[in-house]
Amino acid sequence: MCSSDLLWRGEAFVDDSGAEYRIFPRPVRPEPRLWLTSGGSVDTFENAGKSGVGILTHLLGHSLDELAEKVARYRQAYAASGRPGRGQVVLMVHTYLDEDLDAAERQAREPLTQYLISSLDLGVRSPGGPGARVNQARARLVVESACNRYLRRDGLFGSVADTLPLVRRIE
């Protein structure tokens, strides 16, 4: 057994010289929770379920309806693994709450645009990444379209009342 496994469980690790090591405070749970991040591949959702790990996802690569199908496949695979419960799915949703949608958009559009540009830039810099063939004009259109999609449909922007319909759909 690896020393980190022993330490995580709150057990002592004894090295070759006989020195004993422990961590304090003791861990709260005997095993760490493991998570797999998926940008949309149904295979990743199913593999996470089979492995009994949680899934972290977002709305970049799929719609809520597509996500619902992938979560159902994750839950089926999780149940088939024989583990108790339903597994855990965490959905990251871009959010900025304000008095209303117009006020939220005024505050959030520029930072959201910059964030999306930096995300696109990561793809451009990745060898063979999905953004490797995107020219500047196309990149601007992609970022503007994504920003509008998050502000109007796939993000929690505006007042609490403005965001409740999406929250209910996500539930």
Protein backbone atom coordinates (compact mmCIF):
# COMPACT_ATOMS: atom_id res chain seq x y z
CA MET A 1 0.00 0.00 0.00
CA CYS A 2 1.24 3.47 -0.89
CA SER A 3 2.23 5.83 1.95
CA SER A 4 -0.33 8.40 0.81
CA ASP A 5 -3.09 5.76 1.04
CA LEU A 6 -2.14 4.98 4.63
CA LEU A 7 -1.87 8.63 5.59
CA TRP A 8 -5.20 9.48 3.96
CA ARG A 9 -6.88 6.78 6.05
CA GLY A 10 -5.34 8.23 9.21
CA GLU A 11 -2.98 5.30 9.62
CA ALA A 12 0.71 5.57 10.34
CA PHE A 13 3.31 5.24 7.63
CA VAL A 14 6.64 3.77 8.72
CA ASP A 15 9.59 4.42 6.40
CA ASP A 16 12.63 2.17 5.87
CA SER A 17 14.45 3.76 8.82
CA GLY A 18 11.57 2.97 11.18
CA ALA A 19 10.39 6.59 11.45
CA GLU A 20 6.62 6.85 11.80
CA TYR A 21 4.54 9.51 10.08
CA ARG A 22 0.92 10.51 10.66
CA ILE A 23 -1.21 13.42 9.53
CA PHE A 24 -3.23 15.63 11.80
CA PRO A 25 -6.03 16.37 12.01
CA ARG A 26 -7.19 12.93 11.05
CA PRO A 27 -9.08 12.69 7.74
CA VAL A 28 -12.84 13.05 7.96
CA ARG A 29 -13.52 10.19 5.53
CA PRO A 30 -11.58 6.98 4.94
CA GLU A 31 -11.32 7.45 1.16
CA PRO A 32 -11.01 10.61 -0.91
CA ARG A 33 -13.88 11.45 -3.23
CA LEU A 34 -12.74 11.14 -6.81
CA TRP A 35 -14.18 13.13 -9.70
CA LEU A 36 -13.89 12.97 -13.46
CA THR A 37 -14.39 16.05 -15.61
CA SER A 38 -16.27 15.69 -18.87
CA GLY A 39 -16.80 18.24 -21.58
CA GLY A 40 -19.55 16.16 -23.06
CA SER A 41 -18.49 12.64 -24.08
CA VAL A 42 -21.17 10.12 -23.12
CA ASP A 43 -18.40 7.52 -22.79
CA THR A 44 -16.77 9.63 -20.07
CA PHE A 45 -20.09 9.85 -18.20
CA GLU A 46 -20.56 6.08 -18.42
CA ASN A 47 -16.96 5.34 -17.40
CA ALA A 48 -17.32 7.64 -14.40
CA GLY A 49 -20.47 5.75 -13.39
CA LYS A 50 -18.81 2.35 -13.83
CA SER A 51 -15.85 3.53 -11.75
CA GLY A 52 -18.04 4.96 -8.99
CA VAL A 53 -16.60 8.46 -9.24
CA GLY A 54 -18.43 11.75 -9.40
CA ILE A 55 -18.71 13.73 -12.61
CA LEU A 56 -17.99 17.43 -13.11
CA THR A 57 -19.41 19.01 -16.25
CA HIS A 58 -20.55 22.24 -17.87
CA LEU A 59 -22.79 23.44 -20.70
CA LEU A 60 -20.08 24.18 -23.25
CA GLY A 61 -20.28 20.95 -25.23
CA HIS A 62 -23.93 20.02 -24.86
CA SER A 63 -27.42 21.36 -24.22
CA LEU A 64 -29.38 20.69 -21.04
CA ASP A 65 -31.41 18.05 -22.87
CA GLU A 66 -28.25 16.30 -24.06
CA LEU A 67 -26.79 16.60 -20.57
CA ALA A 68 -29.91 14.98 -19.08
CA GLU A 69 -29.38 11.93 -21.32
CA LYS A 70 -25.70 11.71 -20.34
CA VAL A 71 -26.56 11.98 -16.64
CA ALA A 72 -29.12 9.19 -17.09
CA ARG A 73 -26.42 7.01 -18.68
CA TYR A 74 -24.04 7.89 -15.81
CA ARG A 75 -26.68 6.91 -13.24
CA GLN A 76 -27.40 3.62 -15.06
CA ALA A 77 -23.69 2.76 -15.14
CA TYR A 78 -23.32 3.76 -11.49
CA ALA A 79 -26.25 1.54 -10.45
CA ALA A 80 -24.87 -1.35 -12.54
CA SER A 81 -21.55 -1.03 -10.67
CA GLY A 82 -23.34 -2.24 -7.51
CA ARG A 83 -22.51 0.84 -5.49
CA PRO A 84 -25.14 2.34 -3.22
CA GLY A 85 -26.72 5.67 -4.11
CA ARG A 86 -26.91 7.44 -7.46
CA GLY A 87 -23.43 8.92 -7.73
CA GLN A 88 -22.81 12.66 -7.86
CA VAL A 89 -23.00 15.07 -10.78
CA VAL A 90 -21.84 18.68 -10.46
CA LEU A 91 -22.74 21.17 -13.17
CA MET A 92 -20.69 24.36 -13.44
CA VAL A 93 -22.88 27.22 -14.63
CA HIS A 94 -21.62 30.75 -15.30
CA THR A 95 -23.40 33.09 -12.88
CA TYR A 96 -23.75 36.77 -12.07
CA LEU A 97 -26.75 38.04 -10.11
CA ASP A 98 -27.85 41.67 -10.15
CA GLU A 99 -31.06 43.71 -10.12
CA ASP A 100 -32.08 42.49 -13.57
CA LEU A 101 -30.67 40.94 -16.73
CA ASP A 102 -29.64 44.29 -18.24
CA ALA A 103 -27.67 45.26 -15.13
CA ALA A 104 -26.06 41.81 -14.96
CA GLU A 105 -25.13 41.94 -18.62
CA ARG A 106 -23.55 45.39 -18.25
CA GLN A 107 -21.35 44.08 -15.43
CA ALA A 108 -20.64 40.58 -16.71
CA ARG A 109 -20.29 40.86 -20.50
CA GLU A 110 -16.68 42.06 -20.60
CA PRO A 111 -15.28 39.68 -17.91
CA LEU A 112 -17.22 36.78 -19.45
CA THR A 113 -15.91 37.68 -22.90
CA GLN A 114 -12.33 37.80 -21.58
CA TYR A 115 -12.79 34.46 -19.86
CA LEU A 116 -14.13 32.89 -23.05
CA ILE A 117 -11.25 34.35 -25.06
CA SER A 118 -8.78 32.84 -22.58
CA SER A 119 -10.56 29.48 -22.85
CA LEU A 120 -10.45 29.65 -26.63
CA ASP A 121 -6.78 30.63 -26.42
CA LEU A 122 -6.06 27.44 -24.47
CA GLY A 123 -7.52 25.43 -27.34
CA VAL A 124 -5.52 27.43 -29.87
CA ARG A 125 -2.27 26.85 -27.99
CA SER A 126 -2.92 23.14 -27.50
CA PRO A 127 -1.20 21.15 -30.27
CA GLY A 128 -3.98 19.95 -32.51
CA GLY A 129 -6.57 21.40 -30.13
CA PRO A 130 -10.06 22.20 -31.40
CA GLY A 131 -9.20 25.88 -31.74
CA ALA A 132 -5.98 25.26 -33.66
CA ARG A 133 -7.63 26.12 -36.99
CA VAL A 134 -9.70 29.12 -35.81
CA ASN A 135 -8.77 32.48 -37.36
CA GLN A 136 -9.25 35.78 -35.50
CA ALA A 137 -12.52 36.76 -37.19
CA ARG A 138 -13.98 33.33 -36.55
CA ALA A 139 -12.72 33.42 -32.96
CA ARG A 140 -14.52 36.75 -32.34
CA LEU A 141 -17.76 35.28 -33.70
CA VAL A 142 -17.40 32.14 -31.58
CA VAL A 143 -16.73 34.14 -28.41
CA GLU A 144 -19.56 36.62 -29.07
CA SER A 145 -21.99 33.79 -29.77
CA ALA A 146 -20.92 31.86 -26.66
CA CYS A 147 -21.16 34.99 -24.51
CA ASN A 148 -24.69 35.69 -25.75
CA ARG A 149 -25.67 32.05 -25.19
CA TYR A 150 -24.47 32.11 -21.59
CA LEU A 151 -26.02 35.51 -20.87
CA ARG A 152 -29.41 34.63 -22.39
CA ARG A 153 -29.87 30.87 -22.09
CA ASP A 154 -27.16 28.71 -20.50
CA GLY A 155 -26.04 30.89 -17.61
CA LEU A 156 -27.53 32.30 -14.45
CA PHE A 157 -27.48 36.03 -15.21
CA GLY A 158 -29.87 38.68 -13.98
CA SER A 159 -32.07 38.71 -10.92
CA VAL A 160 -32.91 35.67 -8.85
CA ALA A 161 -36.31 35.65 -10.57
CA ASP A 162 -34.59 35.77 -13.99
CA THR A 163 -32.48 32.72 -13.15
CA LEU A 164 -35.12 30.50 -11.54
CA PRO A 165 -36.39 28.96 -14.80
CA LEU A 166 -32.90 27.66 -15.64
CA VAL A 167 -32.32 26.49 -12.07
CA ARG A 168 -35.58 24.52 -12.27
CA ARG A 169 -34.58 23.00 -15.63
CA ILE A 170 -31.22 21.99 -14.17
CA GLU A 171 -32.95 20.34 -11.20
